[in-house]
């Protein structure tokens, strides 16, 4: 059979030179303009190459011109579905490096916001399911908008919260916000249940990720868990109220295919909604920030921090020369790992199922910026 090579893009403008891989109008990847090529033989993908270079903004170099307080707002800009985790990872790195003790109440608020944004991120990627099935009753937009409204009410910004401060947080929920958040989380859990039931076998046998691929590409989060690799930093290391609020791990298939990954996204929405309820019930009074010096300088050396972001393990590494700005700051993003696995796991997928394969290996364009 003759092989044909095609250029593709995900989202973006109509371009006759590229085949558009349509993931739906509100999927997080739609505006990303990720481009690449794939080769097909007999309507089956035999090779795929993602080319995220057009997304590069040089963010890691911009970090070196910001002090550690200012850098939080830049770290916030990578994953637009869950920007909270960028600021959280960098704050943790500085706190660990300087031995800063975060107040207990601030730790609870951070855990609460983490699960809030996990739901928002997962529903963004699950928007593909309702769109693919052509069922408007499965649209995730209304609940996602409610979650953004809760974000704005609590932090003052509906997309980029900038809630984390080095040594604590800038805000805490009141009783009215907690009531609204409980209702929104319950709506999200109910929607996730309907999505999981409706999706059924959507993606069965598509783009199977085995354990070897998980190890080879450093995959984590729902992608790894859907392949039977029980990696979750919230459970594998002491996380205080964050770990306590999770309860037992959710159950979902571990076949490693697209169907299993969609099922895990749904299951984790319900898990996070239940965790939010426990966190809101346990929130107590107390200070929100630690006392800090006027100027923050990390000692000379290398520092690392990782967090369990919605799409997997997210990390930041800083090389410091003892100044108030990092000499070098490097990001480790789960989206980059997920996309790096495409050449190994996507070949063998029918071209008609390519959107299913790519949507089930979740990524966000900003998260690919290195």
Protein backbone atom coordinates (compact mmCIF):
# COMPACT_ATOMS: atom_id res chain seq x y z
CA UNK A 1 0.00 0.00 0.00
CA UNK A 2 1.13 3.56 -0.71
CA UNK A 3 2.06 5.73 2.22
CA UNK A 4 0.93 9.35 2.37
CA UNK A 5 2.43 12.00 4.63
CA UNK A 6 0.20 14.81 5.85
CA UNK A 7 0.80 17.94 7.84
CA UNK A 8 -1.73 18.54 10.60
CA UNK A 9 -2.62 21.19 13.13
CA UNK A 10 -4.86 21.10 16.17
CA UNK A 11 -7.13 24.10 16.19
CA UNK A 12 -6.18 27.33 14.50
CA UNK A 13 -7.20 28.98 11.28
CA UNK A 14 -8.29 27.16 8.16
CA UNK A 15 -5.06 26.25 6.39
CA UNK A 16 -5.18 24.30 3.09
CA UNK A 17 -1.67 22.98 3.76
CA UNK A 18 -2.67 21.33 7.05
CA UNK A 19 -5.34 18.84 8.01
CA UNK A 20 -7.15 20.15 11.07
CA UNK A 21 -7.55 17.64 13.91
CA UNK A 22 -10.78 18.86 15.45
CA UNK A 23 -11.15 18.18 19.19
CA UNK A 24 -14.25 20.31 19.58
CA UNK A 25 -14.80 24.06 19.95
CA UNK A 26 -14.10 24.29 23.69
CA UNK A 27 -11.34 21.71 24.14
CA UNK A 28 -8.24 23.27 25.79
CA UNK A 29 -6.05 22.31 22.83
CA UNK A 30 -8.23 23.98 20.21
CA UNK A 31 -6.47 27.34 20.33
CA UNK A 32 -3.01 25.85 20.68
CA UNK A 33 -1.89 25.72 17.04
CA UNK A 34 0.20 22.63 17.69
CA UNK A 35 1.42 21.36 14.33
CA UNK A 36 3.07 18.21 13.10
CA UNK A 37 3.04 15.49 10.47
CA UNK A 38 1.68 11.98 10.29
CA UNK A 39 2.09 9.24 7.73
CA UNK A 40 -0.80 6.93 6.89
CA UNK A 41 -1.03 3.63 5.08
CA UNK A 42 -4.42 2.10 4.27
CA UNK A 43 -6.17 4.75 6.47
CA UNK A 44 -3.98 3.82 9.44
CA UNK A 45 -1.38 6.03 11.11
CA UNK A 46 2.09 4.51 10.80
CA UNK A 47 4.12 7.47 12.04
CA UNK A 48 3.39 10.77 13.80
CA UNK A 49 5.63 13.67 14.74
CA UNK A 50 4.46 16.60 16.87
CA UNK A 51 6.22 19.92 16.35
CA UNK A 52 5.51 22.27 19.25
CA UNK A 53 8.30 24.70 18.33
CA UNK A 54 5.85 27.38 17.15
CA UNK A 55 4.56 27.62 20.72
CA UNK A 56 7.95 28.54 22.19
CA UNK A 57 8.00 31.88 24.04
CA UNK A 58 11.31 31.56 25.86
CA UNK A 59 9.59 31.51 29.23
CA UNK A 60 12.47 29.89 31.07
CA UNK A 61 14.76 32.79 30.17
CA UNK A 62 12.18 35.37 31.21
CA UNK A 63 12.17 33.80 34.67
CA UNK A 64 15.78 34.84 35.17
CA UNK A 65 14.72 38.50 35.01
CA UNK A 66 12.13 38.13 37.80
CA UNK A 67 12.66 37.81 41.53
CA UNK A 68 11.02 34.85 43.20
CA UNK A 69 7.88 36.74 44.22
CA UNK A 70 7.39 38.14 40.71
CA UNK A 71 8.09 34.77 39.08
CA UNK A 72 4.91 33.30 40.58
CA UNK A 73 2.76 35.22 38.10
CA UNK A 74 4.82 33.92 35.18
CA UNK A 75 4.72 30.33 36.42
CA UNK A 76 0.95 30.76 36.57
CA UNK A 77 0.76 31.26 32.79
CA UNK A 78 1.65 27.81 31.48
CA UNK A 79 -1.36 25.58 31.95
CA UNK A 80 -4.32 27.87 31.40
CA UNK A 81 -6.73 25.17 32.58
CA UNK A 82 -4.95 24.75 35.92
CA UNK A 83 -2.60 27.71 36.36
CA UNK A 84 -2.64 27.31 40.13
CA UNK A 85 -0.14 24.43 39.98
CA UNK A 86 2.61 26.52 38.38
CA UNK A 87 2.58 29.05 41.17
CA UNK A 88 2.26 26.30 43.78
CA UNK A 89 5.32 24.38 42.53
CA UNK A 90 7.57 27.44 42.47
CA UNK A 91 6.40 28.64 45.89
CA UNK A 92 7.12 25.21 47.35
CA UNK A 93 10.61 25.21 45.90
CA UNK A 94 11.46 28.54 47.54
CA UNK A 95 9.82 27.54 50.83
CA UNK A 96 11.72 24.26 50.98
CA UNK A 97 14.98 25.97 50.03
CA UNK A 98 14.65 28.61 52.75
CA UNK A 99 12.95 26.46 55.40
CA UNK A 100 9.79 28.56 55.42
CA UNK A 101 6.94 27.03 57.44
CA UNK A 102 3.58 27.58 55.71
CA UNK A 103 0.70 28.16 58.18
CA UNK A 104 -1.75 25.27 58.54
CA UNK A 105 -4.71 27.25 57.24
CA UNK A 106 -2.80 28.21 54.09
CA UNK A 107 -1.92 24.54 53.50
CA UNK A 108 -5.65 23.69 53.60
CA UNK A 109 -6.53 26.50 51.18
CA UNK A 110 -3.83 25.37 48.78
CA UNK A 111 -5.17 21.81 48.83
CA UNK A 112 -8.69 23.09 48.26
CA UNK A 113 -7.69 25.20 45.27
CA UNK A 114 -5.66 22.32 43.83
CA UNK A 115 -8.72 20.05 43.70
CA UNK A 116 -10.89 22.91 42.42
CA UNK A 117 -8.55 23.37 39.45
CA UNK A 118 -8.18 19.62 38.92
CA UNK A 119 -11.92 19.44 38.28
CA UNK A 120 -11.79 22.44 35.95
CA UNK A 121 -8.89 20.97 33.97
CA UNK A 122 -10.38 17.48 33.66
CA UNK A 123 -13.75 18.81 32.49
CA UNK A 124 -11.96 20.87 29.87
CA UNK A 125 -10.41 17.76 28.36
CA UNK A 126 -13.64 15.78 28.77
CA UNK A 127 -15.44 18.36 26.64
CA UNK A 128 -14.27 16.24 23.72
CA UNK A 129 -16.49 13.32 24.80
CA UNK A 130 -19.81 15.17 24.62
CA UNK A 131 -18.78 16.87 21.39
CA UNK A 132 -17.70 13.58 19.80
CA UNK A 133 -20.95 11.88 20.83
CA UNK A 134 -22.98 14.84 19.59
CA UNK A 135 -24.84 15.13 22.91
CA UNK A 136 -25.37 18.73 24.10
CA UNK A 137 -26.52 17.42 27.49
CA UNK A 138 -22.92 16.32 28.09
CA UNK A 139 -21.45 19.77 27.46
CA UNK A 140 -18.98 20.72 30.17
CA UNK A 141 -19.03 24.47 29.48
CA UNK A 142 -21.74 25.44 32.02
CA UNK A 143 -19.99 23.73 34.94
CA UNK A 144 -16.57 25.00 33.84
CA UNK A 145 -17.99 28.54 33.77
CA UNK A 146 -19.36 28.06 37.30
CA UNK A 147 -15.91 26.92 38.45
CA UNK A 148 -14.32 29.99 36.88
CA UNK A 149 -16.91 32.15 38.60
CA UNK A 150 -15.94 30.58 41.94
CA UNK A 151 -12.29 31.26 41.11
CA UNK A 152 -13.02 34.93 40.45
CA UNK A 153 -15.08 35.31 43.61
CA UNK A 154 -12.29 33.90 45.76
CA UNK A 155 -9.17 35.28 44.09
CA UNK A 156 -10.32 38.24 42.02
CA UNK A 157 -9.38 36.60 38.70
CA UNK A 158 -11.52 34.00 36.99
CA UNK A 159 -8.68 32.40 34.98
CA UNK A 160 -5.30 33.10 36.61
CA UNK A 161 -5.85 33.00 40.36
CA UNK A 162 -2.48 34.28 41.66
CA UNK A 163 -3.64 32.99 45.04
CA UNK A 164 -0.31 31.57 46.19
CA UNK A 165 2.22 33.68 48.00
CA UNK A 166 5.62 32.46 49.09
CA UNK A 167 4.90 31.36 52.63
CA UNK A 168 1.14 31.08 52.23
CA UNK A 169 -1.87 32.26 50.25
CA UNK A 170 -3.58 35.59 49.57
CA UNK A 171 -7.20 34.54 50.19
CA UNK A 172 -9.44 32.12 52.03
CA UNK A 173 -13.08 31.10 51.47
CA UNK A 174 -15.95 32.45 53.53
CA UNK A 175 -19.17 30.57 54.30
CA UNK A 176 -21.04 31.89 51.25
CA UNK A 177 -18.24 30.87 48.89
CA UNK A 178 -18.03 27.44 50.50
CA UNK A 179 -21.76 26.84 49.93
CA UNK A 180 -21.50 27.84 46.28
CA UNK A 181 -18.38 25.71 45.79
CA UNK A 182 -20.07 22.65 47.26
CA UNK A 183 -22.97 23.03 44.84
CA UNK A 184 -20.64 23.49 41.87
CA UNK A 185 -18.53 20.49 42.85
CA UNK A 186 -21.66 18.35 43.17
CA UNK A 187 -22.75 19.41 39.67
CA UNK A 188 -19.30 18.53 38.34
CA UNK A 189 -19.38 15.07 39.94
CA UNK A 190 -22.84 14.37 38.53
CA UNK A 191 -21.75 15.48 35.05
CA UNK A 192 -18.63 13.30 35.25
CA UNK A 193 -20.82 10.31 36.07
CA UNK A 194 -22.99 10.96 33.01
CA UNK A 195 -19.93 11.42 30.82
CA UNK A 196 -18.40 8.16 32.00
CA UNK A 197 -21.59 6.23 31.35
CA UNK A 198 -22.17 7.82 27.93
CA UNK A 199 -18.56 7.39 26.80
CA UNK A 200 -18.75 3.65 27.35
CA UNK A 201 -16.33 2.03 24.92
CA UNK A 202 -15.35 5.26 23.14
CA UNK A 203 -11.66 4.83 22.44
CA UNK A 204 -11.50 1.11 23.26
CA UNK A 205 -8.22 -0.28 21.92
CA UNK A 206 -7.10 3.15 20.65
CA UNK A 207 -3.54 4.37 21.34
CA UNK A 208 -2.70 1.85 24.04
CA UNK A 209 -0.06 3.06 26.51
CA UNK A 210 1.69 0.16 28.21
CA UNK A 211 3.85 0.30 31.32
CA UNK A 212 7.02 0.46 29.23
CA UNK A 213 5.76 3.63 27.53
CA UNK A 214 4.88 5.13 30.93
CA UNK A 215 8.47 4.61 32.09
CA UNK A 216 10.08 5.64 28.79
CA UNK A 217 8.30 9.00 28.60
CA UNK A 218 7.93 9.82 32.29
CA UNK A 219 4.14 9.73 32.08
CA UNK A 220 2.09 10.33 35.20
CA UNK A 221 -1.36 11.47 36.28
CA UNK A 222 -4.48 9.93 34.74
CA UNK A 223 -2.54 8.67 31.70
CA UNK A 224 -0.28 6.51 33.88
CA UNK A 225 -3.07 5.43 36.21
CA UNK A 226 -5.13 4.31 33.22
CA UNK A 227 -2.22 1.98 32.39
CA UNK A 228 -2.15 0.47 35.87
CA UNK A 229 0.74 2.57 37.21
CA UNK A 230 -0.45 3.91 40.57
CA UNK A 231 1.58 7.11 40.67
CA UNK A 232 0.12 10.01 42.66
CA UNK A 233 2.29 12.40 44.67
CA UNK A 234 -0.68 13.32 46.83
CA UNK A 235 -0.68 9.79 48.20
CA UNK A 236 2.95 8.70 47.92
CA UNK A 237 4.37 11.45 50.13
CA UNK A 238 2.92 13.15 53.22
CA UNK A 239 0.67 15.98 52.09
CA UNK A 240 -1.22 16.69 55.33
CA UNK A 241 -4.86 17.59 54.74
CA UNK A 242 -4.48 17.06 51.00
CA UNK A 243 -3.77 13.34 51.47
CA UNK A 244 -6.35 12.92 54.24
CA UNK A 245 -9.11 14.46 52.12
CA UNK A 246 -8.66 12.06 49.20
CA UNK A 247 -9.95 8.85 50.74
CA UNK A 248 -9.57 5.60 48.80
CA UNK A 249 -8.27 5.81 45.21
CA UNK A 250 -11.00 5.77 42.55
CA UNK A 251 -11.58 2.68 40.48
CA UNK A 252 -11.45 2.72 36.68
CA UNK A 253 -10.15 0.46 33.88
CA UNK A 254 -6.40 -0.01 33.52
CA UNK A 255 -6.30 -1.21 29.90
CA UNK A 256 -4.11 1.74 28.89
CA UNK A 257 -6.31 2.73 25.94
CA UNK A 258 -8.22 5.94 25.23
CA UNK A 259 -11.38 4.56 26.83
CA UNK A 260 -9.52 3.91 30.09
CA UNK A 261 -8.04 7.41 30.07
CA UNK A 262 -11.46 9.02 29.59
CA UNK A 263 -12.81 6.86 32.43
CA UNK A 264 -10.00 7.98 34.76
CA UNK A 265 -10.61 11.65 33.99
CA UNK A 266 -14.26 11.14 34.92
CA UNK A 267 -13.43 9.19 38.07
CA UNK A 268 -10.97 11.82 39.25
CA UNK A 269 -13.55 14.60 38.88
CA UNK A 270 -15.76 12.72 41.36
CA UNK A 271 -12.74 12.09 43.61
CA UNK A 272 -11.82 15.78 43.67
CA UNK A 273 -15.41 16.83 44.34
CA UNK A 274 -15.51 14.57 47.40
CA UNK A 275 -12.12 15.88 48.54
CA UNK A 276 -13.38 19.47 48.25
CA UNK A 277 -16.26 18.65 50.56
CA UNK A 278 -13.89 17.26 53.21
CA UNK A 279 -11.46 20.16 52.86
CA UNK A 280 -14.19 22.77 53.21
CA UNK A 281 -15.53 20.98 56.28
CA UNK A 282 -12.11 20.93 57.93
CA UNK A 283 -10.99 24.50 57.19
CA UNK A 284 -10.14 26.36 60.41
CA UNK A 285 -9.09 29.89 61.35
CA UNK A 286 -5.50 31.05 61.50
CA UNK A 287 -2.90 33.10 59.63
CA UNK A 288 -2.59 32.79 55.86
CA UNK A 289 1.04 33.78 55.39
CA UNK A 290 4.36 33.31 57.14
CA UNK A 291 6.58 36.23 58.11
CA UNK A 292 9.20 36.74 55.39
CA UNK A 293 12.27 38.93 54.92
CA UNK A 294 11.96 41.86 52.53
CA UNK A 295 14.29 40.21 50.00
CA UNK A 296 14.20 36.49 49.23
CA UNK A 297 17.46 34.92 48.09
CA UNK A 298 17.99 31.21 47.64
CA UNK A 299 21.42 29.92 48.67
CA UNK A 300 23.75 28.82 45.92
CA UNK A 301 22.90 25.41 44.52
CA UNK A 302 20.20 23.43 42.73
CA UNK A 303 16.64 23.18 44.04
CA UNK A 304 13.68 21.10 42.87
CA UNK A 305 9.98 20.83 43.64
CA UNK A 306 7.18 18.72 42.17
CA UNK A 307 3.40 18.71 42.51
CA UNK A 308 0.62 16.41 41.35
CA UNK A 309 -0.91 18.59 38.64
CA UNK A 310 -4.11 17.48 36.84
CA UNK A 311 -2.31 16.04 33.80
CA UNK A 312 0.53 14.46 35.77
CA UNK A 313 3.68 15.37 37.61
CA UNK A 314 4.71 19.01 37.21
CA UNK A 315 8.02 20.28 38.46
CA UNK A 316 10.38 23.19 38.58
CA UNK A 317 14.15 23.24 39.03
CA UNK A 318 16.18 26.30 39.95
CA UNK A 319 19.91 26.83 39.82
CA UNK A 320 20.72 29.66 42.21
CA UNK A 321 23.84 31.75 42.62
CA UNK A 322 22.63 33.31 45.82
CA UNK A 323 20.77 36.20 44.21
CA UNK A 324 17.13 37.31 44.43
CA UNK A 325 16.54 36.07 40.88
CA UNK A 326 17.21 32.53 39.63
CA UNK A 327 20.33 32.07 37.53
CA UNK A 328 18.42 29.37 35.64
CA UNK A 329 14.87 28.06 36.02
CA UNK A 330 13.66 24.95 34.22
CA UNK A 331 10.12 23.59 33.98
CA UNK A 332 8.99 19.99 33.78
CA UNK A 333 5.45 19.87 32.43
CA UNK A 334 3.15 16.84 32.07
CA UNK A 335 1.83 18.01 28.69
CA UNK A 336 5.31 17.80 27.20
CA UNK A 337 5.63 14.20 28.43
CA UNK A 338 2.21 13.22 27.09
CA UNK A 339 2.91 14.63 23.63
CA UNK A 340 6.35 13.02 23.57
CA UNK A 341 4.62 9.62 23.79
CA UNK A 342 2.61 10.14 20.58
CA UNK A 343 5.22 8.59 18.22
CA UNK A 344 5.27 5.41 20.31
CA UNK A 345 1.58 4.90 21.09
CA UNK A 346 -0.42 6.53 18.25
CA UNK A 347 0.84 4.46 15.27
CA UNK A 348 -1.67 1.74 14.50
CA UNK A 349 -4.60 4.09 15.12
CA UNK A 350 -7.12 4.49 12.31
CA UNK A 351 -6.96 8.01 10.88
CA UNK A 352 -10.66 8.46 11.70
CA UNK A 353 -9.83 7.77 15.37
CA UNK A 354 -6.83 10.12 15.52
CA UNK A 355 -8.81 12.83 17.36
CA UNK A 356 -9.82 10.24 20.00
CA UNK A 357 -6.19 9.21 20.47
CA UNK A 358 -4.87 12.77 20.83
CA UNK A 359 -7.72 13.99 23.03
CA UNK A 360 -7.19 11.11 25.45
CA UNK A 361 -3.51 12.02 25.93
CA UNK A 362 -4.35 15.37 27.50
CA UNK A 363 -2.18 18.42 27.00
CA UNK A 364 -2.37 22.21 27.04
CA UNK A 365 -0.45 24.37 24.59
CA UNK A 366 1.16 26.65 27.17
CA UNK A 367 2.42 23.58 29.00
CA UNK A 368 4.55 22.73 25.94
CA UNK A 369 6.52 25.99 26.20
CA UNK A 370 10.12 25.30 27.23
